PDB file of N, CA and C in Angstrom:
ATOM      1  N   UNK A   1     -42.764-252.944   2.990  1.00  0.00           N
ATOM      2  CA  UNK A   1     -42.085-253.670   4.060  1.00  0.00           C
ATOM      3  C   UNK A   1     -41.358-254.858   3.439  1.00  0.00           C
ATOM      4  N   UNK A   2     -40.117-255.057   3.780  1.00  0.00           N
ATOM      5  CA  UNK A   2     -39.355-256.157   3.203  1.00  0.00           C
ATOM      6  C   UNK A   2     -39.743-257.475   3.853  1.00  0.00           C
ATOM      7  N   UNK A   3     -39.403-258.558   3.186  1.00  0.00           N
ATOM      8  CA  UNK A   3     -39.719-259.899   3.696  1.00  0.00           C
ATOM      9  C   UNK A   3     -39.076-260.146   5.059  1.00  0.00           C
ATOM     10  N   UNK A   4     -37.874-259.604   5.289  1.00  0.00           N
ATOM     11  CA  UNK A   4     -37.153-259.859   6.532  1.00  0.00           C
ATOM     12  C   UNK A   4     -37.831-259.246   7.749  1.00  0.00           C
ATOM     13  N   UNK A   5     -38.584-258.158   7.558  1.00  0.00           N
ATOM     14  CA  UNK A   5     -39.182-257.478   8.697  1.00  0.00           C
ATOM     15  C   UNK A   5     -40.644-257.857   8.917  1.00  0.00           C
ATOM     16  N   UNK A   6     -41.192-258.688   8.066  1.00  0.00           N
ATOM     17  CA  UNK A   6     -42.589-259.093   8.229  1.00  0.00           C
ATOM     18  C   UNK A   6     -42.723-260.030   9.410  1.00  0.00           C
ATOM     19  N   UNK A   7     -43.798-259.853  10.123  1.00  0.00           N
ATOM     20  CA  UNK A   7     -44.088-260.700  11.268  1.00  0.00           C
ATOM     21  C   UNK A   7     -45.378-261.439  10.960  1.00  0.00           C
ATOM     22  N   UNK A   8     -45.349-262.751  11.103  1.00  0.00           N
ATOM     23  CA  UNK A   8     -46.549-263.526  10.812  1.00  0.00           C
ATOM     24  C   UNK A   8     -47.589-263.295  11.904  1.00  0.00           C
ATOM     25  N   UNK A   9     -48.821-263.607  11.599  1.00  0.00           N
ATOM     26  CA  UNK A   9     -49.897-263.475  12.585  1.00  0.00           C
ATOM     27  C   UNK A   9     -49.629-264.363  13.790  1.00  0.00           C
ATOM     28  N   UNK A  10     -49.069-265.536  13.557  1.00  0.00           N
ATOM     29  CA  UNK A  10     -48.749-266.453  14.660  1.00  0.00           C
ATOM     30  C   UNK A  10     -47.665-265.876  15.559  1.00  0.00           C
ATOM     31  N   UNK A  11     -46.649-265.248  14.944  1.00  0.00           N
ATOM     32  CA  UNK A  11     -45.585-264.625  15.728  1.00  0.00           C
ATOM     33  C   UNK A  11     -46.137-263.488  16.569  1.00  0.00           C
ATOM     34  N   UNK A  12     -46.966-262.643  15.956  1.00  0.00           N
ATOM     35  CA  UNK A  12     -47.534-261.511  16.681  1.00  0.00           C
ATOM     36  C   UNK A  12     -48.430-261.987  17.811  1.00  0.00           C
ATOM     37  N   UNK A  13     -49.195-263.035  17.571  1.00  0.00           N
ATOM     38  CA  UNK A  13     -50.064-263.599  18.601  1.00  0.00           C
ATOM     39  C   UNK A  13     -49.231-264.115  19.778  1.00  0.00           C
ATOM     40  N   UNK A  14     -48.107-264.765  19.468  1.00  0.00           N
ATOM     41  CA  UNK A  14     -47.225-265.282  20.522  1.00  0.00           C
ATOM     42  C   UNK A  14     -46.612-264.139  21.330  1.00  0.00           C
ATOM     43  N   UNK A  15     -46.194-263.082  20.648  1.00  0.00           N
ATOM     44  CA  UNK A  15     -45.616-261.919  21.342  1.00  0.00           C
ATOM     45  C   UNK A  15     -46.667-261.271  22.234  1.00  0.00           C
ATOM     46  N   UNK A  16     -47.860-261.079  21.711  1.00  0.00           N
ATOM     47  CA  UNK A  16     -48.934-260.476  22.509  1.00  0.00           C
ATOM     48  C   UNK A  16     -49.260-261.311  23.737  1.00  0.00           C
ATOM     49  N   UNK A  17     -49.280-262.626  23.581  1.00  0.00           N
ATOM     50  CA  UNK A  17     -49.547-263.518  24.717  1.00  0.00           C
ATOM     51  C   UNK A  17     -48.446-263.390  25.770  1.00  0.00           C
ATOM     52  N   UNK A  18     -47.188-263.342  25.317  1.00  0.00           N
ATOM     53  CA  UNK A  18     -46.064-263.194  26.241  1.00  0.00           C
ATOM     54  C   UNK A  18     -46.152-261.874  26.997  1.00  0.00           C
ATOM     55  N   UNK A  19     -46.397-260.782  26.275  1.00  0.00           N
ATOM     56  CA  UNK A  19     -46.482-259.465  26.897  1.00  0.00           C
ATOM     57  C   UNK A  19     -47.624-259.438  27.904  1.00  0.00           C
ATOM     58  N   UNK A  20     -48.759-259.983  27.538  1.00  0.00           N
ATOM     59  CA  UNK A  20     -49.918-259.975  28.430  1.00  0.00           C
ATOM     60  C   UNK A  20     -49.644-260.738  29.724  1.00  0.00           C
ATOM     61  N   UNK A  21     -48.895-261.824  29.641  1.00  0.00           N
ATOM     62  CA  UNK A  21     -48.649-262.625  30.840  1.00  0.00           C
ATOM     63  C   UNK A  21     -47.453-262.154  31.662  1.00  0.00           C
ATOM     64  N   UNK A  22     -46.607-261.279  31.093  1.00  0.00           N
ATOM     65  CA  UNK A  22     -45.384-260.882  31.793  1.00  0.00           C
ATOM     66  C   UNK A  22     -45.258-259.404  32.117  1.00  0.00           C
ATOM     67  N   UNK A  23     -46.191-258.594  31.645  1.00  0.00           N
ATOM     68  CA  UNK A  23     -46.100-257.148  31.860  1.00  0.00           C
ATOM     69  C   UNK A  23     -47.453-256.571  32.248  1.00  0.00           C
ATOM     70  N   UNK A  24     -47.423-255.517  33.033  1.00  0.00           N
ATOM     71  CA  UNK A  24     -48.612-254.726  33.313  1.00  0.00           C
ATOM     72  C   UNK A  24     -48.575-253.516  32.397  1.00  0.00           C
ATOM     73  N   UNK A  25     -49.737-253.074  31.970  1.00  0.00           N
ATOM     74  CA  UNK A  25     -49.819-251.913  31.094  1.00  0.00           C
ATOM     75  C   UNK A  25     -50.520-250.795  31.839  1.00  0.00           C
ATOM     76  N   UNK A  26     -49.953-249.588  31.765  1.00  0.00           N
ATOM     77  CA  UNK A  26     -50.531-248.401  32.391  1.00  0.00           C
ATOM     78  C   UNK A  26     -50.638-247.323  31.323  1.00  0.00           C
ATOM     79  N   UNK A  27     -51.822-246.782  31.153  1.00  0.00           N
ATOM     80  CA  UNK A  27     -52.006-245.666  30.222  1.00  0.00           C
ATOM     81  C   UNK A  27     -51.805-244.368  30.989  1.00  0.00           C
ATOM     82  N   UNK A  28     -50.972-243.501  30.456  1.00  0.00           N
ATOM     83  CA  UNK A  28     -50.660-242.231  31.093  1.00  0.00           C
ATOM     84  C   UNK A  28     -51.007-241.117  30.111  1.00  0.00           C
ATOM     85  N   UNK A  29     -51.639-240.069  30.611  1.00  0.00           N
ATOM     86  CA  UNK A  29     -51.953-238.934  29.747  1.00  0.00           C
ATOM     87  C   UNK A  29     -51.170-237.710  30.198  1.00  0.00           C
ATOM     88  N   UNK A  30     -50.762-236.920  29.214  1.00  0.00           N
ATOM     89  CA  UNK A  30     -50.019-235.695  29.455  1.00  0.00           C
ATOM     90  C   UNK A  30     -50.713-234.561  28.720  1.00  0.00           C
ATOM     91  N   UNK A  31     -50.508-233.332  29.150  1.00  0.00           N
ATOM     92  CA  UNK A  31     -51.072-232.192  28.425  1.00  0.00           C
ATOM     93  C   UNK A  31     -50.518-232.149  26.994  1.00  0.00           C
ATOM     94  N   UNK A  32     -51.318-231.594  26.092  1.00  0.00           N
ATOM     95  CA  UNK A  32     -50.893-231.448  24.696  1.00  0.00           C
ATOM     96  C   UNK A  32     -49.514-230.794  24.633  1.00  0.00           C
ATOM     97  N   UNK A  33     -48.667-231.325  23.775  1.00  0.00           N
ATOM     98  CA  UNK A  33     -47.325-230.785  23.594  1.00  0.00           C
ATOM     99  C   UNK A  33     -46.273-231.462  24.452  1.00  0.00           C
ATOM    100  N   UNK A  34     -46.678-232.073  25.555  1.00  0.00           N
ATOM    101  CA  UNK A  34     -45.724-232.712  26.464  1.00  0.00           C
ATOM    102  C   UNK A  34     -45.127-233.982  25.850  1.00  0.00           C
ATOM    103  N   UNK A  35     -45.903-234.669  25.024  1.00  0.00           N
ATOM    104  CA  UNK A  35     -45.428-235.905  24.408  1.00  0.00           C
ATOM    105  C   UNK A  35     -44.156-235.657  23.602  1.00  0.00           C
ATOM    106  N   UNK A  36     -44.170-234.621  22.787  1.00  0.00           N
ATOM    107  CA  UNK A  36     -42.991-234.337  21.974  1.00  0.00           C
ATOM    108  C   UNK A  36     -41.796-233.960  22.837  1.00  0.00           C
ATOM    109  N   UNK A  37     -42.018-233.214  23.894  1.00  0.00           N
ATOM    110  CA  UNK A  37     -40.932-232.842  24.805  1.00  0.00           C
ATOM    111  C   UNK A  37     -40.328-234.087  25.444  1.00  0.00           C
ATOM    112  N   UNK A  38     -41.173-235.015  25.870  1.00  0.00           N
ATOM    113  CA  UNK A  38     -40.695-236.264  26.472  1.00  0.00           C
ATOM    114  C   UNK A  38     -39.938-237.089  25.442  1.00  0.00           C
ATOM    115  N   UNK A  39     -40.466-237.153  24.224  1.00  0.00           N
ATOM    116  CA  UNK A  39     -39.788-237.907  23.165  1.00  0.00           C
ATOM    117  C   UNK A  39     -38.403-237.340  22.877  1.00  0.00           C
ATOM    118  N   UNK A  40     -38.290-236.031  22.829  1.00  0.00           N
ATOM    119  CA  UNK A  40     -36.991-235.394  22.585  1.00  0.00           C
ATOM    120  C   UNK A  40     -36.018-235.657  23.733  1.00  0.00           C
ATOM    121  N   UNK A  41     -36.516-235.588  24.958  1.00  0.00           N
ATOM    122  CA  UNK A  41     -35.661-235.842  26.125  1.00  0.00           C
ATOM    123  C   UNK A  41     -35.181-237.292  26.131  1.00  0.00           C
ATOM    124  N   UNK A  42     -36.068-238.222  25.809  1.00  0.00           N
ATOM    125  CA  UNK A  42     -35.693-239.635  25.764  1.00  0.00           C
ATOM    126  C   UNK A  42     -34.645-239.878  24.683  1.00  0.00           C
ATOM    127  N   UNK A  43     -34.850-239.287  23.526  1.00  0.00           N
ATOM    128  CA  UNK A  43     -33.883-239.427  22.431  1.00  0.00           C
ATOM    129  C   UNK A  43     -32.527-238.856  22.826  1.00  0.00           C
ATOM    130  N   UNK A  44     -32.538-237.705  23.462  1.00  0.00           N
ATOM    131  CA  UNK A  44     -31.286-237.085  23.907  1.00  0.00           C
ATOM    132  C   UNK A  44     -30.562-237.959  24.921  1.00  0.00           C
ATOM    133  N   UNK A  45     -31.330-238.699  25.721  1.00  0.00           N
ATOM    134  CA  UNK A  45     -30.734-239.596  26.711  1.00  0.00           C
ATOM    135  C   UNK A  45     -30.367-240.951  26.106  1.00  0.00           C
ATOM    136  N   UNK A  46     -30.690-241.157  24.830  1.00  0.00           N
ATOM    137  CA  UNK A  46     -30.374-242.418  24.171  1.00  0.00           C
ATOM    138  C   UNK A  46     -31.287-243.550  24.610  1.00  0.00           C
ATOM    139  N   UNK A  47     -32.512-243.214  24.979  1.00  0.00           N
ATOM    140  CA  UNK A  47     -33.456-244.217  25.479  1.00  0.00           C
ATOM    141  C   UNK A  47     -34.764-244.159  24.709  1.00  0.00           C
ATOM    142  N   UNK A  48     -35.532-245.230  24.824  1.00  0.00           N
ATOM    143  CA  UNK A  48     -36.887-245.193  24.292  1.00  0.00           C
ATOM    144  C   UNK A  48     -37.746-244.384  25.255  1.00  0.00           C
ATOM    145  N   UNK A  49     -38.889-243.928  24.792  1.00  0.00           N
ATOM    146  CA  UNK A  49     -39.804-243.183  25.663  1.00  0.00           C
ATOM    147  C   UNK A  49     -40.215-244.065  26.831  1.00  0.00           C
ATOM    148  N   UNK A  50     -40.499-245.325  26.565  1.00  0.00           N
ATOM    149  CA  UNK A  50     -40.921-246.239  27.625  1.00  0.00           C
ATOM    150  C   UNK A  50     -39.849-246.368  28.711  1.00  0.00           C
ATOM    151  N   UNK A  51     -38.614-246.609  28.305  1.00  0.00           N
ATOM    152  CA  UNK A  51     -37.564-246.772  29.312  1.00  0.00           C
ATOM    153  C   UNK A  51     -37.278-245.455  30.029  1.00  0.00           C
ATOM    154  N   UNK A  52     -37.402-244.344  29.324  1.00  0.00           N
ATOM    155  CA  UNK A  52     -37.194-243.033  29.938  1.00  0.00           C
ATOM    156  C   UNK A  52     -38.224-242.780  31.046  1.00  0.00           C
ATOM    157  N   UNK A  53     -39.475-243.063  30.757  1.00  0.00           N
ATOM    158  CA  UNK A  53     -40.533-242.863  31.752  1.00  0.00           C
ATOM    159  C   UNK A  53     -40.388-243.855  32.899  1.00  0.00           C
ATOM    160  N   UNK A  54     -40.082-245.126  32.579  1.00  0.00           N
ATOM    161  CA  UNK A  54     -39.894-246.121  33.639  1.00  0.00           C
ATOM    162  C   UNK A  54     -38.764-245.712  34.583  1.00  0.00           C
ATOM    163  N   UNK A  55     -37.662-245.218  34.012  1.00  0.00           N
ATOM    164  CA  UNK A  55     -36.522-244.790  34.834  1.00  0.00           C
ATOM    165  C   UNK A  55     -36.918-243.619  35.722  1.00  0.00           C
ATOM    166  N   UNK A  56     -37.680-242.670  35.184  1.00  0.00           N
ATOM    167  CA  UNK A  56     -38.124-241.518  35.965  1.00  0.00           C
ATOM    168  C   UNK A  56     -39.004-241.966  37.137  1.00  0.00           C
ATOM    169  N   UNK A  57     -39.900-242.891  36.889  1.00  0.00           N
ATOM    170  CA  UNK A  57     -40.768-243.402  37.953  1.00  0.00           C
ATOM    171  C   UNK A  57     -39.941-244.139  39.005  1.00  0.00           C
ATOM    172  N   UNK A  58     -39.026-244.994  38.557  1.00  0.00           N
ATOM    173  CA  UNK A  58     -38.170-245.730  39.494  1.00  0.00           C
ATOM    174  C   UNK A  58     -37.351-244.788  40.374  1.00  0.00           C
ATOM    175  N   UNK A  59     -36.777-243.743  39.752  1.00  0.00           N
ATOM    176  CA  UNK A  59     -35.973-242.797  40.510  1.00  0.00           C
ATOM    177  C   UNK A  59     -36.838-242.046  41.541  1.00  0.00           C
ATOM    178  N   UNK A  60     -38.030-241.674  41.170  1.00  0.00           N
ATOM    179  CA  UNK A  60     -38.933-240.971  42.081  1.00  0.00           C
ATOM    180  C   UNK A  60     -39.315-241.872  43.241  1.00  0.00           C
ATOM    181  N   UNK A  61     -39.669-243.112  42.950  1.00  0.00           N
ATOM    182  CA  UNK A  61     -40.051-244.035  44.033  1.00  0.00           C
ATOM    183  C   UNK A  61     -38.880-244.299  44.971  1.00  0.00           C
ATOM    184  N   UNK A  62     -37.701-244.444  44.423  1.00  0.00           N
ATOM    185  CA  UNK A  62     -36.504-244.666  45.249  1.00  0.00           C
ATOM    186  C   UNK A  62     -36.243-243.454  46.133  1.00  0.00           C
ATOM    187  N   UNK A  63     -36.333-242.261  45.565  1.00  0.00           N
ATOM    188  CA  UNK A  63     -36.108-241.028  46.322  1.00  0.00           C
ATOM    189  C   UNK A  63     -37.154-240.833  47.425  1.00  0.00           C
ATOM    190  N   UNK A  64     -38.408-241.098  47.110  1.00  0.00           N
ATOM    191  CA  UNK A  64     -39.486-240.910  48.091  1.00  0.00           C
ATOM    192  C   UNK A  64     -39.462-241.939  49.211  1.00  0.00           C
ATOM    193  N   UNK A  65     -38.934-243.097  48.933  1.00  0.00           N
ATOM    194  CA  UNK A  65     -38.883-244.148  49.951  1.00  0.00           C
ATOM    195  C   UNK A  65     -37.590-244.123  50.756  1.00  0.00           C
ATOM    196  N   UNK A  66     -36.667-243.259  50.387  1.00  0.00           N
ATOM    197  CA  UNK A  66     -35.366-243.197  51.109  1.00  0.00           C
ATOM    198  C   UNK A  66     -35.478-242.439  52.396  1.00  0.00           C
TER     199      UNK A  66
END
C-alpha cells in the first residue's frame, strides 16, 4: 500500500464515528450465487453494490406507496 492511500488509526476512528452517527446499517442475506449476480448488475449500471441495492429498495417503496 502506498503512503498516499494509508489511513491513520485516528482517521479511521473518525470515519467510523461519523458513519455510526449518520447511517443505519442493515445486514441482508441472499442465496449463494446471488451476490455475484448483483455485483455484475451494479457494475453494468455503473454503480456500487450499495447504491444499486438502495436504489432498488427506494424504487420498490415508491411504487408500492403510489
